[in-house]
Each structure stands twice: as structure tokens, then as C-alpha cells.
Amino acid sequence: MEDTRVLDPAPGADTPSPTGVPARRRLIASSLATSIGDGIYVPLTMLFLHGLTGLSLTSIGTGLTVAGLSALAFMPVAGILIDRFGGRRVLIAVLALRAVGFAAYPFADSYPAFLTIALVVAVGMWASSPSQQSLIGDLARGTERDRLLAWDRSLRNAGMGCGSLAAAGMLAWNGTTGFIVAAEALAAVFAVAAVLVARIPPVRGDAKPRDARGGYRHVLADRPYLLLTTANFLIAFGYTTQAMALPVFLTRDVGMPDALAGAVFAVNTVLVAALGVPAARLTARARRTRTAALGAVTFALSFAAFAVLPDLVHGADALIAVLAVAALYTAGELVHSAPAQSLSVQAAPDHLRGRYLSVYQLSWSICRTIAPMLLGFLLDTGPWHLWSVLALLVLTGAAILLCAERSLPAHTNGLGAPTPKPRPKPTPTPTPTPTV
């Protein structure tokens, strides 16, 4: 297939950014506000909705699953809208959508009303990532784009931690008051995030609709990008494990108290928030595919270490061993996340970036949708099955990344643009000697 990508400048090239520093700071502030909202909502979703609506946990769980699966159908539409109107406008819209959804939750007095609001919130949640990454692609180039992505990831982790603490404080209130306060706080947080994005000056692609010839046919014909997406789908199970399977494993198989099991998540959050930007700088000069594959291999090593923990450590030594393995797991996340995210943005052509990133986002969304079922089954079969299957998944993802390296353009992989060969100087034509 002929490579029709719109090439970015070489990653190290000194190229001017389309916008200035204030615009990027507003985007980062919006991202921080959004992550605080996610930190309030995501860890306590079931409890939060049960307190607001009074529905049974089974009904809420079923409704959230249906809403999440239905929201996936809107992802291709989100990609089309991003390519047509630009990531900035779509991001403003989806943040406003989330604000409206959370403001409406206290008034969900029936199951159909709950399902409608849950669908609105799910669509806003799934569409936020591709629209924000598309906007980052418009705001910065080359290594500057990588730095902006790294700051976004680090502050997101910090915001998630702050949001979780805020949620704990809100739920300390008696009755449903705390849940209502949390709902309106969520609406306010996402409204503030939308205003911050609206204050970013229009970037290229906002002034007029973009030329998106080829559409999703071009994306589906791009074999290297599909390989990147497939690899991310497999490695994403390594990320979902921490929140879904690791707490059960630590309390049931290692014998740790519930409170100490939560400390593992806290250590990971703090380390990623503090070391995300320095780690991105250290890996900036390496090939993105190889660095991301190294992160996946590190994930696999941490899974192997978790598998042997129940047989090797007991009592007080268990906490030290678990924290050490958690640090190894975090190292894998730090090494993998920066180059993998950069690959997804850098490999997407400018005029189809929305569609490309929407397809890439599906790898995360589908993984998060099926992970509870898969991880629950593996937890029931035993720890060795759990960690062996997870290690196999992430190692397969690493192998796919290395296979994709051969067909990716050099600038996408962080190697810079190819240096053109110098043209040979034309041989001067001798001037004929005039005949006297």
C-alpha cells in the first residue's frame, strides 16, 4: 500500500508550534480538572449511583454495561466529527455532555431515565480521549508533542488521586446528601474543563471543515496502524489488572489486609504522577516501538513475580515484597505508556487524526468492557492461570509492536525524517572557443 500519511517534521526539529504556551497550559488545566472528576466518579461508580438512584446494584451494573457497549457504537461518529470540526470543538462538546449528565443524575427517578443519563455520560467519557489527543496533535509537533502528552498523563494520575480523596470526603456526609454534592461537583468540574478548552484559541482545522477523503476505509487499510491498535488492546489488559484483579489477588491469595492492598494503587499513582515526565524524556531518543515493547516485557516480569508471591513470602515480608513488585509493574507502565501514546498520535495523518484515534481508543474501550469477565474467570481458576495468561497477552503485544516497526515511517518511530540525498552538481558545459 502506498504510504499517503501527512508527515510531521522530524521529532527533534526546531519547528514552531501552531499555538503558544498559554493555550497548552489551558489544555493541561482542563485535563487536570477532568481527571479529578474521573477520580471522584470511577472508583465509586456503583456506590455513587446506588446512593443517587436507589436502584439495585444488579440493575445498575447491567445498565452501565449496556450503556458502555452502546457508547462504543458512537466512537466512529466521534472520529468523523473530530476530522470535520477539529478536536477542540468536539472536546468542548463532550465535556459539556458529561457535565449535563452528572447534573441530571439526582433527577433519575426511573430506570429508563437512568439508562439515558448513563449512555450520555459513557459517550462523553469514551469520546474525550480521541478528541483531546487530536487537539494535542494540533497544538504541538515532534518532541514538543511528546512532552505535552507526558504532562497530560502525569497530571491525570495526580488528578485521579486528588479526586479519590475528594470523593471520600463527600461520602462522609450522612444520607444521600454526599452523593448529591458529588454529582453537582462532577457537573461543575466538567463544566470548568469545557470552559478552559473553549478559551484555547482556534487551531488549524477549526476554521473550516477538514478534507477527510478516504475516511475509515483509509484507516482499515493502514496495516501498521492496525498492528499498533492490536498491540495496545493486548497490553491494555496489563493496565486493567491493577484496578480489577490485583486487589482480589492480594487480599485472597497473599493474605494482605484490605487497607494495605489499597496502598499498592496509591504507590503506583504517586510514582506515575511524579516520574511520568522524566521517564518520557529519558525514552524520547529511543525507537518508540522498542521502548513500548520493553515496557510490555517489564509488565510480564512483574506478573511472573506476582505469581510466585503466595509461595515465597508471608506475614510482614509480604508487604515489602508486594511493594517491590508493584514498583516493577509501575516501571513497565512508565516505560510503555509514553511511547505507545506518542505512536498513536504521530502515526495518524493530520486530516484523518480523529478517525485514527477513535479506532485506537476502541482498543482501550473494548478491553475495559471485556476485562471484568476475563479477569473474573481467571481469578476463579487460580493465580497461576491469571498471571500466566496476562503475561502471554502483553508479550504477544510486544511482539506485534516489533513487527509493526518495519512498516512504520521513520518520523513516527522517533527517528526523525529521512535525510535527502544531496543532488549532484551539474557538470558545467564548456564554452566553445570562438573561431577567428
Protein backbone atom coordinates (compact mmCIF):
# COMPACT_ATOMS: atom_id res chain seq x y z
CA MET A 1 0.00 0.00 0.00
CA GLU A 2 1.28 3.41 -0.87
CA ASP A 3 2.07 5.49 2.21
CA THR A 4 -0.12 8.60 1.98
CA ARG A 5 0.50 9.88 5.51
CA VAL A 6 0.95 13.57 6.16
CA LEU A 7 4.42 13.64 7.63
CA ASP A 8 5.22 15.58 10.76
CA PRO A 9 8.56 17.30 11.00
CA ALA A 10 11.43 15.31 12.43
CA PRO A 11 10.90 14.81 16.15
CA GLY A 12 13.97 16.79 17.01
CA ALA A 13 13.35 19.52 14.50
CA ASP A 14 13.03 23.08 15.74
CA THR A 15 9.60 23.80 14.30
CA PRO A 16 7.19 26.46 15.50
CA SER A 17 4.06 25.32 17.31
CA PRO A 18 0.67 26.31 15.94
CA THR A 19 -0.23 27.93 19.31
CA GLY A 20 1.58 29.45 22.25
CA VAL A 21 2.27 28.34 25.80
CA PRO A 22 -0.98 29.76 27.32
CA ALA A 23 -3.09 27.54 25.07
CA ARG A 24 -1.20 24.43 26.12
CA ARG A 25 -1.45 25.42 29.79
CA ARG A 26 -5.23 25.75 29.47
CA LEU A 27 -5.38 22.31 27.91
CA ILE A 28 -3.33 20.81 30.75
CA ALA A 29 -5.51 22.60 33.33
CA SER A 30 -8.61 21.19 31.62
CA SER A 31 -7.07 17.71 31.65
CA LEU A 32 -6.33 18.05 35.38
CA ALA A 33 -9.91 19.09 36.09
CA THR A 34 -11.25 16.18 34.02
CA SER A 35 -9.04 13.68 35.84
CA ILE A 36 -10.22 15.00 39.22
CA GLY A 37 -13.76 14.31 38.04
CA ASP A 38 -12.78 10.82 36.93
CA GLY A 39 -11.13 10.26 40.31
CA ILE A 40 -14.38 11.15 42.05
CA TYR A 41 -16.57 9.01 39.79
CA VAL A 42 -14.68 5.94 38.54
CA PRO A 43 -13.62 4.20 41.80
CA LEU A 44 -17.06 4.61 43.41
CA THR A 45 -19.36 4.32 40.41
CA MET A 46 -21.66 1.59 41.74
CA LEU A 47 -21.93 3.07 45.25
CA PHE A 48 -22.40 6.57 43.82
CA LEU A 49 -25.26 5.57 41.51
CA HIS A 50 -26.88 3.33 44.11
CA GLY A 51 -26.99 6.24 46.55
CA LEU A 52 -28.41 8.64 43.96
CA THR A 53 -31.00 6.44 42.25
CA GLY A 54 -31.88 3.80 44.87
CA LEU A 55 -31.71 1.09 42.18
CA SER A 56 -30.32 -2.35 42.96
CA LEU A 57 -26.65 -2.99 42.31
CA THR A 58 -27.57 -5.65 39.75
CA SER A 59 -29.74 -3.18 37.82
CA ILE A 60 -27.01 -0.53 37.96
CA GLY A 61 -24.31 -2.94 36.82
CA THR A 62 -26.44 -4.18 33.93
CA GLY A 63 -27.35 -0.64 32.93
CA LEU A 64 -23.73 0.54 32.98
CA THR A 65 -22.67 -2.43 30.83
CA VAL A 66 -25.45 -1.76 28.31
CA ALA A 67 -24.62 1.96 28.26
CA GLY A 68 -20.89 1.28 27.83
CA LEU A 69 -21.42 -1.14 24.94
CA SER A 70 -23.90 1.23 23.28
CA ALA A 71 -21.46 4.12 23.65
CA LEU A 72 -18.86 2.15 21.68
CA ALA A 73 -21.14 2.42 18.65
CA PHE A 74 -20.75 6.21 18.80
CA MET A 75 -16.94 6.10 18.55
CA PRO A 76 -16.85 6.07 14.71
CA VAL A 77 -19.18 9.08 14.73
CA ALA A 78 -16.84 10.86 17.16
CA GLY A 79 -13.93 10.28 14.78
CA ILE A 80 -15.89 11.76 11.87
CA LEU A 81 -16.85 14.82 13.93
CA ILE A 82 -13.25 15.35 15.05
CA ASP A 83 -12.00 15.25 11.47
CA ARG A 84 -14.74 17.57 10.30
CA PHE A 85 -14.77 20.17 13.09
CA GLY A 86 -11.46 19.66 14.92
CA GLY A 87 -10.59 18.10 18.28
CA ARG A 88 -11.10 21.38 20.16
CA ARG A 89 -14.77 21.77 19.28
CA VAL A 90 -15.59 18.11 19.89
CA LEU A 91 -13.76 18.13 23.23
CA ILE A 92 -15.78 21.15 24.37
CA ALA A 93 -18.98 19.34 23.37
CA VAL A 94 -18.18 16.04 25.13
CA LEU A 95 -17.06 17.78 28.33
CA ALA A 96 -20.31 19.75 28.34
CA LEU A 97 -22.17 16.48 27.72
CA ARG A 98 -20.57 14.92 30.79
CA ALA A 99 -21.41 17.99 32.88
CA VAL A 100 -25.07 17.81 31.86
CA GLY A 101 -25.18 14.06 32.52
CA PHE A 102 -23.84 14.31 36.08
CA ALA A 103 -26.08 17.28 36.87
CA ALA A 104 -29.08 15.19 35.77
CA TYR A 105 -28.25 12.04 37.79
CA PRO A 106 -30.05 13.18 41.00
CA PHE A 107 -33.25 13.51 38.94
CA ALA A 108 -33.13 9.96 37.50
CA ASP A 109 -36.39 8.72 39.03
CA SER A 110 -36.88 5.74 36.69
CA TYR A 111 -34.78 3.03 35.09
CA PRO A 112 -35.16 4.41 31.52
CA ALA A 113 -34.04 7.81 32.79
CA PHE A 114 -31.00 6.20 34.45
CA LEU A 115 -30.10 4.34 31.24
CA THR A 116 -30.37 7.52 29.17
CA ILE A 117 -28.12 9.51 31.50
CA ALA A 118 -25.64 6.62 31.78
CA LEU A 119 -25.43 6.50 27.96
CA VAL A 120 -24.82 10.26 27.79
CA VAL A 121 -22.02 10.01 30.37
CA ALA A 122 -20.48 6.96 28.67
CA VAL A 123 -20.45 8.64 25.25
CA GLY A 124 -18.76 11.69 26.77
CA MET A 125 -16.21 9.52 28.57
CA TRP A 126 -15.25 7.38 25.54
CA ALA A 127 -15.10 10.39 23.15
CA SER A 128 -12.97 12.55 25.46
CA SER A 129 -9.70 10.72 24.84
CA PRO A 130 -9.56 10.81 21.00
CA SER A 131 -10.76 14.43 20.86
CA GLN A 132 -8.19 15.56 23.45
CA GLN A 133 -5.33 13.68 21.79
CA SER A 134 -6.37 15.11 18.43
CA LEU A 135 -6.24 18.60 19.96
CA ILE A 136 -2.77 17.86 21.36
CA GLY A 137 -1.76 16.80 17.85
CA ASP A 138 -2.89 20.21 16.58
CA LEU A 139 -1.24 22.19 19.37
CA ALA A 140 2.27 20.72 19.18
CA ARG A 141 4.74 18.93 16.91
CA GLY A 142 7.53 16.37 17.27
CA THR A 143 9.18 16.13 20.69
CA GLU A 144 7.09 19.06 21.92
CA ARG A 145 4.01 16.93 21.27
CA ASP A 146 5.59 14.06 23.24
CA ARG A 147 6.26 16.41 26.18
CA LEU A 148 2.67 17.65 26.16
CA LEU A 149 1.36 14.07 26.14
CA ALA A 150 3.69 13.22 29.05
CA TRP A 151 2.47 16.18 31.13
CA ASP A 152 -1.11 15.19 30.35
CA ARG A 153 -0.52 11.62 31.59
CA SER A 154 1.27 12.69 34.78
CA LEU A 155 -1.30 15.28 35.79
CA ARG A 156 -4.09 12.84 35.03
CA ASN A 157 -2.68 10.44 37.60
CA ALA A 158 -2.29 13.26 40.12
CA GLY A 159 -5.85 14.41 39.43
CA MET A 160 -7.23 10.89 39.84
CA GLY A 161 -5.62 10.69 43.28
CA CYS A 162 -6.99 14.09 44.34
CA GLY A 163 -10.44 13.14 43.04
CA SER A 164 -10.45 9.93 45.05
CA LEU A 165 -9.64 11.86 48.24
CA ALA A 166 -12.39 14.37 47.44
CA ALA A 167 -14.86 11.51 46.92
CA ALA A 168 -14.00 10.05 50.31
CA GLY A 169 -14.73 13.42 51.93
CA MET A 170 -18.06 13.83 50.12
CA LEU A 171 -19.24 10.34 51.06
CA ALA A 172 -18.56 11.09 54.72
CA TRP A 173 -21.76 13.17 54.72
CA ASN A 174 -24.89 11.49 56.05
CA GLY A 175 -27.65 10.09 53.84
CA THR A 176 -27.80 10.90 50.15
CA THR A 177 -26.51 14.44 50.65
CA GLY A 178 -22.94 13.40 49.93
CA PHE A 179 -23.94 11.71 46.68
CA ILE A 180 -25.88 14.78 45.52
CA VAL A 181 -22.93 17.02 46.39
CA ALA A 182 -20.63 14.66 44.46
CA ALA A 183 -22.94 14.72 41.42
CA GLU A 184 -23.08 18.51 41.30
CA ALA A 185 -19.35 18.76 41.97
CA LEU A 186 -18.76 16.46 38.99
CA ALA A 187 -21.00 18.64 36.82
CA ALA A 188 -19.09 21.74 37.90
CA VAL A 189 -15.67 20.14 37.30
CA PHE A 190 -16.50 19.10 33.74
CA ALA A 191 -18.13 22.47 33.02
CA VAL A 192 -14.93 24.23 34.14
CA ALA A 193 -12.90 21.88 31.93
CA ALA A 194 -15.12 22.75 28.93
CA VAL A 195 -14.66 26.48 29.58
CA LEU A 196 -10.88 26.09 29.77
CA VAL A 197 -10.81 24.31 26.39
CA ALA A 198 -13.12 26.97 24.92
CA ARG A 199 -10.55 29.61 25.91
CA ILE A 200 -7.91 27.93 23.75
CA PRO A 201 -7.63 29.95 20.53
CA PRO A 202 -8.95 28.12 17.44
CA VAL A 203 -6.26 25.91 15.95
CA ARG A 204 -5.92 24.68 12.40
CA GLY A 205 -8.84 22.55 11.41
CA ASP A 206 -11.28 24.65 13.47
CA ALA A 207 -11.74 27.44 10.95
CA LYS A 208 -13.24 25.23 8.25
CA PRO A 209 -14.16 21.54 7.83
CA ARG A 210 -11.20 19.31 7.10
CA ASP A 211 -10.72 17.32 3.94
CA ALA A 212 -11.20 13.73 5.12
CA ARG A 213 -11.16 11.85 1.86
CA GLY A 214 -10.78 8.11 2.28
CA GLY A 215 -12.49 8.02 5.69
CA TYR A 216 -12.45 4.81 7.67
CA ARG A 217 -11.51 2.83 4.56
CA HIS A 218 -8.11 4.50 4.73
CA VAL A 219 -7.77 3.63 8.44
CA LEU A 220 -8.73 -0.01 7.92
CA ALA A 221 -6.29 -0.28 5.03
CA ASP A 222 -3.42 1.05 7.17
CA ARG A 223 -1.86 -2.22 8.31
CA PRO A 224 0.89 -0.67 10.53
CA TYR A 225 -1.65 1.37 12.48
CA LEU A 226 -3.92 -1.63 12.93
CA LEU A 227 -0.93 -3.54 14.31
CA LEU A 228 -0.33 -0.73 16.82
CA THR A 229 -4.00 -0.85 17.81
CA THR A 230 -3.98 -4.64 18.22
CA ALA A 231 -0.83 -4.50 20.34
CA ASN A 232 -2.39 -1.85 22.56
CA PHE A 233 -5.54 -3.95 23.01
CA LEU A 234 -3.45 -6.85 24.33
CA ILE A 235 -1.17 -4.74 26.54
CA ALA A 236 -4.17 -2.81 27.92
CA PHE A 237 -5.07 -5.90 29.96
CA GLY A 238 -1.92 -5.17 31.94
CA TYR A 239 -3.35 -1.79 32.92
CA THR A 240 -6.85 -3.04 33.81
CA THR A 241 -5.38 -5.74 36.05
CA GLN A 242 -4.29 -3.26 38.70
CA ALA A 243 -7.78 -1.97 39.43
CA MET A 244 -9.81 -5.14 38.79
CA ALA A 245 -7.77 -8.23 39.68
CA LEU A 246 -4.82 -7.18 41.82
CA PRO A 247 -6.82 -6.16 44.95
CA VAL A 248 -8.60 -9.53 44.97
CA PHE A 249 -5.33 -11.41 44.45
CA LEU A 250 -3.54 -9.53 47.24
CA THR A 251 -6.28 -9.99 49.83
CA ARG A 252 -7.31 -13.54 48.91
CA ASP A 253 -4.07 -15.23 47.81
CA VAL A 254 -1.34 -13.20 49.52
CA GLY A 255 -3.37 -12.56 52.68
CA MET A 256 -2.91 -8.79 52.88
CA PRO A 257 -5.45 -6.59 54.71
CA ASP A 258 -7.82 -4.57 52.51
CA ALA A 259 -6.29 -1.25 53.57
CA LEU A 260 -2.76 -2.35 52.65
CA ALA A 261 -3.94 -3.66 49.30
CA GLY A 262 -5.13 -0.14 48.54
CA ALA A 263 -1.61 1.14 49.27
CA VAL A 264 -0.36 -0.61 46.13
CA PHE A 265 -2.68 1.51 43.98
CA ALA A 266 -1.54 4.63 45.85
CA VAL A 267 2.15 3.82 45.23
CA ASN A 268 1.51 3.34 41.53
CA THR A 269 -0.45 6.60 41.25
CA VAL A 270 2.21 8.65 43.04
CA LEU A 271 5.11 7.17 41.07
CA VAL A 272 3.42 7.64 37.68
CA ALA A 273 2.45 11.21 38.54
CA ALA A 274 5.97 12.08 39.75
CA LEU A 275 8.07 10.18 37.22
CA GLY A 276 5.92 10.32 34.07
CA VAL A 277 7.59 13.39 32.54
CA PRO A 278 11.21 12.39 33.42
CA ALA A 279 10.59 8.88 32.06
CA ALA A 280 9.24 10.34 28.81
CA ARG A 281 12.38 12.48 28.48
CA LEU A 282 14.68 9.52 29.07
CA THR A 283 12.97 7.43 26.40
CA ALA A 284 12.50 10.28 23.90
CA ARG A 285 15.57 9.40 21.80
CA ALA A 286 14.86 5.66 21.52
CA ARG A 287 12.63 3.98 18.99
CA ARG A 288 9.09 4.21 20.26
CA THR A 289 8.14 0.68 19.22
CA ARG A 290 11.11 -0.89 21.01
CA THR A 291 10.63 1.19 24.15
CA ALA A 292 6.92 0.36 24.32
CA ALA A 293 7.75 -3.33 23.79
CA LEU A 294 10.29 -3.13 26.63
CA GLY A 295 7.56 -1.75 28.89
CA ALA A 296 5.30 -4.68 27.98
CA VAL A 297 8.11 -7.14 28.78
CA THR A 298 8.55 -5.42 32.16
CA PHE A 299 4.82 -5.92 32.76
CA ALA A 300 5.30 -9.63 32.07
CA LEU A 301 8.20 -9.82 34.56
CA SER A 302 6.07 -8.21 37.26
CA PHE A 303 3.26 -10.70 36.54
CA ALA A 304 5.70 -13.58 36.95
CA ALA A 305 6.80 -12.10 40.28
CA PHE A 306 3.18 -11.74 41.45
CA ALA A 307 2.56 -15.39 40.55
CA VAL A 308 5.26 -16.68 42.91
CA LEU A 309 4.50 -14.30 45.81
CA PRO A 310 1.99 -16.56 47.66
CA ASP A 311 4.55 -19.38 47.85
CA LEU A 312 7.57 -17.27 48.81
CA VAL A 313 6.51 -14.59 51.30
CA HIS A 314 4.29 -14.50 54.38
CA GLY A 315 3.50 -12.10 57.19
CA ALA A 316 5.32 -8.77 57.39
CA ASP A 317 7.63 -9.64 54.49
CA ALA A 318 4.65 -9.84 52.16
CA LEU A 319 4.07 -6.07 52.17
CA ILE A 320 7.68 -5.30 51.28
CA ALA A 321 7.69 -7.88 48.51
CA VAL A 322 4.36 -6.67 47.11
CA LEU A 323 5.53 -3.04 47.07
CA ALA A 324 8.74 -4.09 45.30
CA VAL A 325 6.79 -5.96 42.61
CA ALA A 326 4.36 -3.03 42.36
CA ALA A 327 7.34 -0.76 41.69
CA LEU A 328 8.44 -3.12 38.89
CA TYR A 329 4.91 -3.05 37.48
CA THR A 330 4.96 0.77 37.63
CA ALA A 331 8.29 0.80 35.79
CA GLY A 332 6.63 -1.16 32.99
CA GLU A 333 3.80 1.38 32.85
CA LEU A 334 6.23 4.32 32.77
CA VAL A 335 8.32 2.76 30.00
CA HIS A 336 5.35 1.66 27.89
CA SER A 337 2.81 4.47 28.21
CA ALA A 338 4.76 7.43 26.78
CA PRO A 339 5.99 5.87 23.51
CA ALA A 340 2.76 3.92 22.95
CA GLN A 341 0.61 7.02 23.23
CA SER A 342 3.03 9.00 21.07
CA LEU A 343 2.88 6.29 18.41
CA SER A 344 -0.91 6.50 18.27
CA VAL A 345 -0.82 10.26 17.65
CA GLN A 346 2.30 10.53 15.50
CA ALA A 347 1.23 7.71 13.16
CA ALA A 348 -2.16 9.30 12.43
CA PRO A 349 -2.35 11.56 9.35
CA ASP A 350 -3.42 15.10 10.19
CA HIS A 351 -6.54 15.09 8.02
CA LEU A 352 -7.81 11.77 9.46
CA ARG A 353 -6.49 12.02 13.00
CA GLY A 354 -9.96 11.87 14.56
CA ARG A 355 -10.85 8.61 12.82
CA TYR A 356 -7.45 7.07 13.56
CA LEU A 357 -7.55 7.95 17.26
CA SER A 358 -11.17 6.79 17.57
CA VAL A 359 -10.14 3.38 16.21
CA TYR A 360 -7.17 3.34 18.61
CA GLN A 361 -9.46 4.29 21.52
CA LEU A 362 -11.58 1.23 20.74
CA SER A 363 -8.64 -0.93 21.79
CA TRP A 364 -8.88 0.58 25.28
CA SER A 365 -12.68 0.63 25.39
CA ILE A 366 -13.20 -2.98 24.28
CA CYS A 367 -10.51 -4.18 26.69
CA ARG A 368 -12.17 -2.40 29.61
CA THR A 369 -15.54 -3.81 28.59
CA ILE A 370 -14.48 -7.47 28.48
CA ALA A 371 -11.76 -7.37 31.15
CA PRO A 372 -14.12 -7.88 34.14
CA MET A 373 -15.43 -11.12 32.64
CA LEU A 374 -11.99 -12.45 31.63
CA LEU A 375 -10.23 -11.45 34.84
CA GLY A 376 -13.07 -12.81 36.98
CA PHE A 377 -12.81 -16.17 35.22
CA LEU A 378 -9.01 -16.27 35.62
CA LEU A 379 -9.23 -15.34 39.30
CA ASP A 380 -11.57 -18.27 39.87
CA THR A 381 -9.21 -20.70 38.11
CA GLY A 382 -6.23 -19.70 40.26
CA PRO A 383 -3.35 -17.18 40.47
CA TRP A 384 -1.04 -19.12 38.13
CA HIS A 385 -3.65 -19.08 35.38
CA LEU A 386 -4.29 -15.37 35.94
CA TRP A 387 -0.68 -14.22 35.73
CA SER A 388 0.33 -16.68 33.01
CA VAL A 389 -2.44 -15.56 30.66
CA LEU A 390 -1.76 -11.89 31.36
CA ALA A 391 1.96 -12.34 30.72
CA LEU A 392 1.19 -14.12 27.44
CA LEU A 393 -1.14 -11.29 26.35
CA VAL A 394 1.36 -8.48 26.99
CA LEU A 395 4.27 -10.40 25.47
CA THR A 396 2.21 -11.00 22.33
CA GLY A 397 1.51 -7.27 22.23
CA ALA A 398 5.25 -6.57 22.50
CA ALA A 399 5.97 -8.92 19.59
CA ILE A 400 3.33 -7.19 17.45
CA LEU A 401 4.91 -3.81 18.19
CA LEU A 402 8.27 -5.08 16.94
CA CYS A 403 6.62 -6.45 13.79
CA ALA A 404 4.97 -3.07 13.14
CA GLU A 405 8.33 -1.29 13.39
CA ARG A 406 9.41 -2.41 9.92
CA SER A 407 6.47 -0.77 8.16
CA LEU A 408 6.21 2.47 10.14
CA PRO A 409 7.66 5.70 8.72
CA ALA A 410 10.87 6.78 10.45
CA HIS A 411 9.39 10.01 11.85
CA THR A 412 6.58 8.05 13.52
CA ASN A 413 9.07 5.89 15.40
CA GLY A 414 11.05 8.83 16.72
CA LEU A 415 13.94 8.51 14.29
CA GLY A 416 13.45 11.81 12.51
CA ALA A 417 12.74 12.49 8.90
CA PRO A 418 14.92 10.83 6.30
CA THR A 419 17.81 12.95 5.19
CA PRO A 420 17.53 13.72 1.48
CA LYS A 421 20.46 12.72 -0.64
CA PRO A 422 22.39 15.71 -1.98
CA ARG A 423 21.83 16.31 -5.65
CA PRO A 424 24.97 16.02 -7.75
CA LYS A 425 26.23 19.31 -9.06
CA PRO A 426 25.68 19.65 -12.80
CA THR A 427 28.79 19.38 -14.86
CA PRO A 428 29.46 22.77 -16.44
CA THR A 429 29.17 22.78 -20.19
CA PRO A 430 32.45 24.00 -21.73
CA THR A 431 32.15 27.27 -23.57
CA PRO A 432 33.16 26.76 -27.22
CA THR A 433 36.21 28.70 -28.35
CA PRO A 434 35.17 31.28 -30.96
CA THR A 435 36.71 30.82 -34.37
CA VAL A 436 38.67 33.82 -35.56
